[in-house]
Amino acid sequence: MIHIGSLIEQELRRQDRSVTWFASELHFDRTNVYKVFKKKCIDTLLLENICVILRHNFFLDYAEDIGPLLR
């Protein structure tokens, strides 16, 4: 099972974006961004917004993770 918060944090770092920038884009306080990074699962509407902000489809990461389970 993937840890979505870790994937989001990794992608943010890969893009060399700051937590402050990300918090601003999400209209979150920085402390809430760190809470997102700790989440093992996440609300789909929030994840959709994060996908748009980071221009990365995290839903595909979920699909790849469960793909072998569906065979």
Protein backbone atom coordinates (compact mmCIF):
# COMPACT_ATOMS: atom_id res chain seq x y z
CA MET A 1 0.00 0.00 0.00
CA ILE A 2 1.37 3.39 -0.95
CA HIS A 3 1.77 6.24 1.53
CA ILE A 4 0.23 9.14 -0.38
CA GLY A 5 1.59 11.83 1.93
CA SER A 6 5.14 10.65 1.33
CA LEU A 7 4.57 10.59 -2.43
CA ILE A 8 3.24 14.14 -2.35
CA GLU A 9 6.21 15.33 -0.32
CA GLN A 10 8.65 13.57 -2.66
CA GLU A 11 7.04 15.15 -5.71
CA LEU A 12 7.12 18.60 -4.12
CA ARG A 13 10.84 18.15 -3.36
CA ARG A 14 11.50 16.76 -6.86
CA GLN A 15 10.01 19.94 -8.29
CA ASP A 16 12.17 21.99 -5.92
CA ARG A 17 9.09 23.73 -4.54
CA SER A 18 8.84 25.08 -1.02
CA VAL A 19 6.33 24.07 1.61
CA THR A 20 5.38 27.75 1.86
CA TRP A 21 4.56 27.85 -1.87
CA PHE A 22 2.54 24.64 -1.62
CA ALA A 23 0.64 25.88 1.43
CA SER A 24 -0.22 29.08 -0.41
CA GLU A 25 -1.46 27.16 -3.46
CA LEU A 26 -3.63 24.94 -1.26
CA HIS A 27 -4.82 27.88 0.86
CA PHE A 28 -3.49 25.98 3.86
CA ASP A 29 -1.37 26.88 6.82
CA ARG A 30 2.15 25.38 6.59
CA THR A 31 1.42 23.11 9.56
CA ASN A 32 -1.48 21.58 7.64
CA VAL A 33 0.83 20.79 4.72
CA TYR A 34 3.07 18.82 7.08
CA LYS A 35 -0.05 16.96 8.25
CA VAL A 36 -0.80 16.05 4.62
CA PHE A 37 2.74 14.64 4.30
CA LYS A 38 2.00 12.31 7.24
CA LYS A 39 -1.28 10.99 5.81
CA LYS A 40 -1.39 7.40 4.64
CA CYS A 41 -4.67 8.10 2.84
CA ILE A 42 -6.30 11.31 1.64
CA ASP A 43 -9.66 12.73 0.57
CA THR A 44 -10.07 12.46 -3.19
CA LEU A 45 -11.11 16.10 -3.68
CA LEU A 46 -7.98 17.26 -1.86
CA LEU A 47 -5.88 14.84 -3.89
CA GLU A 48 -7.43 16.14 -7.11
CA ASN A 49 -6.47 19.69 -6.12
CA ILE A 50 -2.93 18.57 -5.27
CA CYS A 51 -2.67 16.81 -8.64
CA VAL A 52 -3.54 20.06 -10.41
CA ILE A 53 -1.17 22.16 -8.30
CA LEU A 54 1.79 19.80 -8.72
CA ARG A 55 0.80 18.68 -12.24
CA HIS A 56 1.22 15.06 -11.22
CA ASN A 57 -1.47 12.39 -11.37
CA PHE A 58 -1.26 10.67 -8.00
CA PHE A 59 -4.31 8.61 -8.93
CA LEU A 60 -2.09 6.75 -11.40
CA ASP A 61 0.25 5.94 -8.51
CA TYR A 62 -2.70 4.33 -6.73
CA ALA A 63 -3.69 2.44 -9.89
CA GLU A 64 -0.17 1.07 -10.33
CA ASP A 65 -0.12 0.03 -6.68
CA ILE A 66 -3.34 -1.97 -6.85
CA GLY A 67 -2.88 -3.29 -10.40
CA PRO A 68 -1.13 -6.51 -9.34
CA LEU A 69 -3.86 -7.17 -6.80
CA LEU A 70 -6.50 -7.17 -9.52
CA ARG A 71 -4.91 -9.94 -11.58
